[in-house]
């Protein structure tokens, strides 16, 4: 074989090896540590001209990026810098280098389901947000106490519970705390449609007052079928300017949700939430009201009862009474049941 042919052969072999290497890097899974069905990666593209290098460092250290130089080349050719966004991305198992760059470039950030549960306090809500979303729980506590921001939405730190309608919301992982509340305000506006606003007016209540009363109803009973009865009793009291005398508001004032038995001493706590001492509704909801409780207030049962007391069978239901004498009989039954069980 002539020297020229040998040179051509070597060049051909070099081209084949180079081509095979490129194909290998192209089709081989980009992440060496990709054992799960999906890998979650986090991107903080602080500065556009630094985004690619930040991603390369992160993926190399935490996910075993196989060919950093090839990734850098593809990123440049595919204009990754122009499309990269801060967020949480999911990379399916076996994704090759081009697929990885495309996922990042197209901004397919991961969303998550945020579940807002009824009866929760603001601290639990903030903790859940901090667990499911990028911002820390303290970011949510701060925005929930930001009077100026809440005022622009039509709320105050005392009434913000009403904004947090229980449901499952699909949100982007990197959603900021203020952005989340803006999203919840949109959902709130959709929920409080013309029909519900008209029913609230018929009850003689504003939307926020409905939410406040609903939070008390939800704390008084976990029986959805009894909620309209409980709501009706409290509305009867409001109509005659009688104190609501709702034990859950005393627990809220005392900041002791686990209190099992309300004693006379507890009723003396000086607080705008102590409905034994003040008339009318407290300044705002005492928890995130359930939608069932809101609907119970809007569709309360018309009756003439003014008193209620937990049933002595501990079923969770209540005995209702029209007058105080009958109420005392029911209360004695319940106190005896507590004493018999040794509940203090």
Protein backbone atom coordinates (compact mmCIF):
# COMPACT_ATOMS: atom_id res chain seq x y z
CA UNK A 1 0.00 0.00 0.00
CA UNK A 2 1.34 3.37 -1.01
CA UNK A 3 2.13 6.06 1.54
CA UNK A 4 -0.70 8.24 0.12
CA UNK A 5 -3.26 5.50 0.59
CA UNK A 6 -2.06 4.93 4.15
CA UNK A 7 -2.53 8.62 4.90
CA UNK A 8 -6.04 8.54 3.42
CA UNK A 9 -6.84 5.43 5.47
CA UNK A 10 -5.63 7.07 8.66
CA UNK A 11 -7.66 10.18 7.92
CA UNK A 12 -10.71 8.04 7.21
CA UNK A 13 -10.24 6.12 10.43
CA UNK A 14 -9.85 9.40 12.32
CA UNK A 15 -13.05 10.73 10.81
CA UNK A 16 -14.88 7.51 11.71
CA UNK A 17 -13.57 7.57 15.27
CA UNK A 18 -14.49 11.24 15.65
CA UNK A 19 -17.92 10.61 14.17
CA UNK A 20 -18.47 7.61 16.42
CA UNK A 21 -17.42 9.67 19.44
CA UNK A 22 -19.86 12.42 18.53
CA UNK A 23 -22.65 9.90 18.00
CA UNK A 24 -21.80 8.25 21.31
CA UNK A 25 -21.92 11.56 23.15
CA UNK A 26 -25.11 12.46 21.27
CA UNK A 27 -27.09 9.31 22.05
CA UNK A 28 -25.67 8.25 25.43
CA UNK A 29 -27.73 9.38 28.47
CA UNK A 30 -26.38 12.77 29.49
CA UNK A 31 -26.45 12.17 33.24
CA UNK A 32 -24.41 9.34 34.76
CA UNK A 33 -26.39 9.33 38.01
CA UNK A 34 -29.70 8.89 36.25
CA UNK A 35 -31.06 5.81 38.02
CA UNK A 36 -34.56 7.07 38.79
CA UNK A 37 -37.36 7.35 36.22
CA UNK A 38 -36.87 11.12 36.33
CA UNK A 39 -34.18 13.38 37.73
CA UNK A 40 -35.07 16.75 39.18
CA UNK A 41 -32.56 19.54 38.60
CA UNK A 42 -32.66 23.11 39.86
CA UNK A 43 -31.49 26.06 37.82
CA UNK A 44 -30.72 29.52 39.12
CA UNK A 45 -29.88 31.50 36.01
CA UNK A 46 -28.81 34.65 37.83
CA UNK A 47 -26.94 36.17 34.90
CA UNK A 48 -27.59 35.15 31.33
CA UNK A 49 -23.91 34.98 30.35
CA UNK A 50 -23.14 32.76 33.35
CA UNK A 51 -26.12 30.42 33.12
CA UNK A 52 -24.51 27.69 31.03
CA UNK A 53 -21.37 27.49 33.15
CA UNK A 54 -23.44 27.44 36.34
CA UNK A 55 -25.53 24.58 34.94
CA UNK A 56 -22.43 22.65 33.87
CA UNK A 57 -20.89 22.98 37.35
CA UNK A 58 -24.12 21.96 39.03
CA UNK A 59 -24.85 18.99 36.77
CA UNK A 60 -21.28 17.75 36.95
CA UNK A 61 -21.19 17.86 40.74
CA UNK A 62 -24.68 16.61 41.56
CA UNK A 63 -25.86 14.60 38.55
CA UNK A 64 -22.71 13.31 36.88
CA UNK A 65 -22.86 15.25 33.60
CA UNK A 66 -20.92 12.97 31.24
CA UNK A 67 -19.46 15.32 28.63
CA UNK A 68 -19.29 18.92 29.90
CA UNK A 69 -17.41 20.18 26.84
CA UNK A 70 -19.92 18.64 24.44
CA UNK A 71 -22.78 20.10 26.51
CA UNK A 72 -21.11 23.53 26.29
CA UNK A 73 -20.82 23.19 22.50
CA UNK A 74 -24.45 22.13 22.06
CA UNK A 75 -25.63 24.85 24.42
CA UNK A 76 -23.89 27.45 22.26
CA UNK A 77 -25.24 26.01 19.01
CA UNK A 78 -28.79 25.69 20.36
CA UNK A 79 -28.84 29.19 21.95
CA UNK A 80 -29.44 27.89 25.45
CA UNK A 81 -28.37 31.20 27.05
CA UNK A 82 -31.29 33.02 25.43
CA UNK A 83 -33.94 30.61 26.65
CA UNK A 84 -32.77 29.40 30.04
CA UNK A 85 -35.06 30.28 32.94
CA UNK A 86 -34.77 29.84 36.66
CA UNK A 87 -36.79 26.87 37.83
CA UNK A 88 -37.12 23.21 38.65
CA UNK A 89 -36.80 20.83 35.70
CA UNK A 90 -37.55 17.13 35.34
CA UNK A 91 -35.31 15.08 33.06
CA UNK A 92 -36.71 11.67 32.03
CA UNK A 93 -34.42 8.68 32.42
CA UNK A 94 -32.17 8.11 29.40
CA UNK A 95 -32.39 11.69 28.10
CA UNK A 96 -29.47 12.36 25.76
CA UNK A 97 -27.40 15.52 25.57
CA UNK A 98 -29.54 17.26 22.95
CA UNK A 99 -32.70 16.36 24.84
CA UNK A 100 -31.24 17.81 28.05
CA UNK A 101 -30.34 21.10 26.36
CA UNK A 102 -33.78 21.25 24.75
CA UNK A 103 -35.57 20.72 28.09
CA UNK A 104 -33.60 23.58 29.63
CA UNK A 105 -33.90 25.86 26.61
CA UNK A 106 -37.66 25.45 26.23
CA UNK A 107 -38.21 26.39 29.84
CA UNK A 108 -40.23 23.31 30.75
CA UNK A 109 -40.02 23.95 34.46
CA UNK A 110 -41.69 21.56 36.82
CA UNK A 111 -45.01 22.40 38.40
CA UNK A 112 -46.32 20.97 41.64
CA UNK A 113 -49.69 20.48 43.28
CA UNK A 114 -50.13 22.72 46.29
CA UNK A 115 -52.94 21.50 48.55
CA UNK A 116 -54.53 24.10 50.81
CA UNK A 117 -56.32 22.28 53.60
CA UNK A 118 -59.25 23.68 55.60
CA UNK A 119 -58.95 24.45 59.31
CA UNK A 120 -55.21 25.09 58.98
CA UNK A 121 -53.51 28.07 60.56
CA UNK A 122 -51.23 30.49 58.72
CA UNK A 123 -48.10 28.82 60.09
CA UNK A 124 -49.11 25.42 58.70
CA UNK A 125 -50.04 27.00 55.38
CA UNK A 126 -46.65 28.75 55.17
CA UNK A 127 -44.84 25.54 56.14
CA UNK A 128 -46.64 23.58 53.42
CA UNK A 129 -45.76 26.23 50.83
CA UNK A 130 -42.12 26.17 51.94
CA UNK A 131 -42.11 22.39 51.61
CA UNK A 132 -43.67 22.26 48.13
CA UNK A 133 -42.29 25.45 46.54
CA UNK A 134 -38.89 27.13 46.24
CA UNK A 135 -39.43 30.14 48.57
CA UNK A 136 -38.83 29.52 52.25
CA UNK A 137 -41.78 29.37 54.66
CA UNK A 138 -40.62 32.66 56.16
CA UNK A 139 -41.27 34.33 52.79
CA UNK A 140 -44.92 33.32 53.05
CA UNK A 141 -45.23 34.42 56.66
CA UNK A 142 -43.79 37.80 55.67
CA UNK A 143 -46.22 38.33 52.77
CA UNK A 144 -49.18 37.19 54.90
CA UNK A 145 -48.31 39.96 57.36
CA UNK A 146 -47.61 42.64 54.73
CA UNK A 147 -50.46 45.08 55.32
CA UNK A 148 -49.74 47.21 52.24
CA UNK A 149 -49.61 44.24 49.87
CA UNK A 150 -52.72 42.63 51.36
CA UNK A 151 -54.61 45.92 51.25
CA UNK A 152 -54.09 46.07 47.49
CA UNK A 153 -55.82 42.67 47.30
CA UNK A 154 -58.68 43.75 49.57
CA UNK A 155 -57.51 41.97 52.73
CA UNK A 156 -55.70 42.58 56.00
CA UNK A 157 -53.46 40.30 58.08
CA UNK A 158 -56.61 39.52 60.12
CA UNK A 159 -58.78 38.60 57.13
CA UNK A 160 -56.20 36.93 54.86
CA UNK A 161 -57.47 33.49 55.94
CA UNK A 162 -60.46 34.15 53.68
CA UNK A 163 -58.18 34.42 50.66
CA UNK A 164 -56.80 30.91 51.15
CA UNK A 165 -59.62 28.86 49.69
CA UNK A 166 -59.05 25.13 50.24
CA UNK A 167 -58.32 23.32 46.99
CA UNK A 168 -55.49 21.78 44.97
CA UNK A 169 -53.58 24.33 42.91
CA UNK A 170 -51.04 23.45 40.22
CA UNK A 171 -48.27 26.04 40.42
CA UNK A 172 -44.72 26.37 39.14
CA UNK A 173 -42.14 25.35 41.71
CA UNK A 174 -40.33 28.69 41.61
CA UNK A 175 -43.48 30.80 42.13
CA UNK A 176 -42.68 33.67 44.51
CA UNK A 177 -44.77 34.22 47.64
CA UNK A 178 -46.42 37.39 46.35
CA UNK A 179 -47.14 35.71 42.99
CA UNK A 180 -48.87 32.85 44.79
CA UNK A 181 -51.18 35.21 46.65
CA UNK A 182 -51.98 37.01 43.39
CA UNK A 183 -52.92 33.62 41.90
CA UNK A 184 -55.09 32.84 44.94
CA UNK A 185 -56.78 36.21 44.57
CA UNK A 186 -57.79 35.22 41.02
CA UNK A 187 -59.23 31.94 42.33
CA UNK A 188 -61.00 33.83 45.11
CA UNK A 189 -62.63 36.18 42.59
CA UNK A 190 -63.81 33.23 40.50
CA UNK A 191 -65.25 31.49 43.56
CA UNK A 192 -67.11 34.55 44.81
CA UNK A 193 -69.33 34.80 41.77
CA UNK A 194 -72.49 36.87 41.51
CA UNK A 195 -74.67 34.12 42.98
CA UNK A 196 -72.57 33.68 46.12
CA UNK A 197 -72.24 37.44 46.62
CA UNK A 198 -76.05 37.74 46.39
CA UNK A 199 -76.51 34.98 48.98
CA UNK A 200 -74.05 36.71 51.30
CA UNK A 201 -76.06 39.93 51.00
CA UNK A 202 -79.25 38.01 51.83
CA UNK A 203 -77.53 36.77 55.00
CA UNK A 204 -76.71 40.36 55.86
CA UNK A 205 -72.98 39.60 55.60
CA UNK A 206 -70.04 40.62 53.46
CA UNK A 207 -67.82 38.02 51.77
CA UNK A 208 -65.22 38.39 54.51
CA UNK A 209 -67.85 38.11 57.24
CA UNK A 210 -69.14 34.91 55.63
CA UNK A 211 -65.60 33.51 55.71
CA UNK A 212 -65.21 34.57 59.35
CA UNK A 213 -68.44 32.89 60.42
CA UNK A 214 -67.62 29.85 58.27
CA UNK A 215 -64.31 29.43 60.08
CA UNK A 216 -66.17 29.31 63.41
CA UNK A 217 -68.74 26.86 62.03
CA UNK A 218 -65.97 24.62 60.66
CA UNK A 219 -64.26 24.58 64.06
CA UNK A 220 -67.54 23.85 65.87
CA UNK A 221 -68.47 20.78 63.85
CA UNK A 222 -66.81 18.47 61.36
CA UNK A 223 -70.20 17.15 60.29
CA UNK A 224 -71.01 18.71 56.92
CA UNK A 225 -74.69 17.87 57.29
CA UNK A 226 -74.87 19.77 60.58
CA UNK A 227 -73.02 22.89 59.43
CA UNK A 228 -76.13 24.72 58.06
CA UNK A 229 -77.82 24.24 61.48
CA UNK A 230 -74.81 25.64 63.33
CA UNK A 231 -74.56 28.54 60.87
CA UNK A 232 -78.27 29.27 61.36
CA UNK A 233 -77.86 29.41 65.14
CA UNK A 234 -75.03 31.94 64.92
CA UNK A 235 -76.92 34.06 62.40
CA UNK A 236 -79.87 34.09 64.82
CA UNK A 237 -77.52 35.45 67.50
CA UNK A 238 -76.12 38.10 65.18
CA UNK A 239 -79.63 39.24 64.28
CA UNK A 240 -80.56 39.93 67.92
CA UNK A 241 -77.11 41.32 68.84
CA UNK A 242 -76.40 38.43 71.16
CA UNK A 243 -72.75 37.44 71.76
CA UNK A 244 -71.74 34.46 69.63
CA UNK A 245 -70.08 32.78 72.64
CA UNK A 246 -68.14 30.45 70.36
CA UNK A 247 -65.56 28.33 72.18
CA UNK A 248 -63.23 28.06 69.12
CA UNK A 249 -62.75 31.83 69.18
CA UNK A 250 -61.59 31.60 72.79
CA UNK A 251 -59.08 28.91 71.85
CA UNK A 252 -57.86 31.18 69.05
CA UNK A 253 -57.54 34.11 71.46
CA UNK A 254 -55.58 31.92 73.87
CA UNK A 255 -53.50 30.48 71.01
CA UNK A 256 -54.30 27.01 72.33
CA UNK A 257 -56.07 25.02 69.60
CA UNK A 258 -55.62 21.81 71.59
CA UNK A 259 -57.61 23.01 74.58
CA UNK A 260 -60.22 20.30 75.24
CA UNK A 261 -62.38 21.97 77.85
CA UNK A 262 -63.25 25.67 78.14
CA UNK A 263 -63.40 26.81 81.76
CA UNK A 264 -64.73 30.06 83.21
CA UNK A 265 -61.22 31.40 83.60
CA UNK A 266 -60.58 30.99 79.88
CA UNK A 267 -63.60 33.13 79.08
CA UNK A 268 -62.01 36.20 80.66
CA UNK A 269 -59.17 36.52 78.14
CA UNK A 270 -59.07 40.08 76.81
CA UNK A 271 -59.09 39.73 73.04
CA UNK A 272 -61.20 40.96 70.11
CA UNK A 273 -61.54 37.26 69.27
CA UNK A 274 -63.19 36.36 72.59
CA UNK A 275 -66.82 36.24 71.48
CA UNK A 276 -67.95 35.79 75.09
CA UNK A 277 -66.84 39.35 75.83
CA UNK A 278 -67.52 41.06 72.48
CA UNK A 279 -70.64 41.13 70.37
CA UNK A 280 -70.67 40.45 66.68
CA UNK A 281 -68.05 38.71 64.61
CA UNK A 282 -64.33 38.75 65.48
CA UNK A 283 -61.92 40.77 63.27
CA UNK A 284 -61.42 37.89 60.86
CA UNK A 285 -61.48 34.12 60.37
CA UNK A 286 -59.84 31.94 63.02
CA UNK A 287 -58.63 29.39 60.46
CA UNK A 288 -58.85 28.60 56.77
CA UNK A 289 -62.60 27.97 56.39
CA UNK A 290 -63.68 24.93 54.43
CA UNK A 291 -65.76 25.45 51.32
CA UNK A 292 -68.45 23.27 52.90
CA UNK A 293 -68.62 25.69 55.84
CA UNK A 294 -68.79 28.69 53.51
CA UNK A 295 -71.65 27.07 51.60
CA UNK A 296 -73.33 26.21 54.92
CA UNK A 297 -73.33 29.88 55.91
CA UNK A 298 -74.61 30.97 52.52
CA UNK A 299 -77.34 28.32 52.69
CA UNK A 300 -77.94 28.28 56.45
CA UNK A 301 -80.95 26.49 57.93
CA UNK A 302 -83.73 28.79 59.10
CA UNK A 303 -84.75 27.84 62.66
CA UNK A 304 -85.30 29.46 66.05
CA UNK A 305 -82.47 27.85 68.04
CA UNK A 306 -80.12 30.15 69.96
CA UNK A 307 -78.01 27.63 71.86
CA UNK A 308 -76.00 24.51 71.08
CA UNK A 309 -73.98 22.07 73.11
CA UNK A 310 -72.00 19.02 72.11
CA UNK A 311 -73.96 15.80 72.49
CA UNK A 312 -73.10 13.69 75.47
CA UNK A 313 -72.53 10.64 73.24
CA UNK A 314 -69.38 12.29 71.76
CA UNK A 315 -70.72 11.65 68.26
CA UNK A 316 -69.55 15.05 67.10
CA UNK A 317 -73.11 16.31 66.71
CA UNK A 318 -74.85 18.89 68.89
CA UNK A 319 -78.03 19.34 70.90
CA UNK A 320 -79.79 22.60 70.01
CA UNK A 321 -82.05 24.62 72.29
CA UNK A 322 -84.35 27.61 71.87
CA UNK A 323 -83.98 28.91 75.43
CA UNK A 324 -81.27 29.06 78.06
CA UNK A 325 -83.06 26.71 80.48
CA UNK A 326 -83.12 23.91 77.90
CA UNK A 327 -79.51 24.66 77.04
CA UNK A 328 -78.44 24.23 80.67
CA UNK A 329 -80.01 20.77 80.70
CA UNK A 330 -78.01 19.83 77.59
CA UNK A 331 -74.85 21.37 79.05
CA UNK A 332 -75.19 19.35 82.28
CA UNK A 333 -75.47 16.16 80.26
CA UNK A 334 -72.30 16.99 78.39
CA UNK A 335 -70.34 18.03 81.50
CA UNK A 336 -71.31 14.79 83.22
CA UNK A 337 -70.08 12.83 80.18
CA UNK A 338 -66.77 14.71 80.35
CA UNK A 339 -66.44 14.04 84.07
CA UNK A 340 -67.24 10.37 83.59
CA UNK A 341 -64.39 10.13 81.07
CA UNK A 342 -62.04 12.13 83.27
CA UNK A 343 -61.58 14.90 80.69
CA UNK A 344 -60.48 18.14 82.33
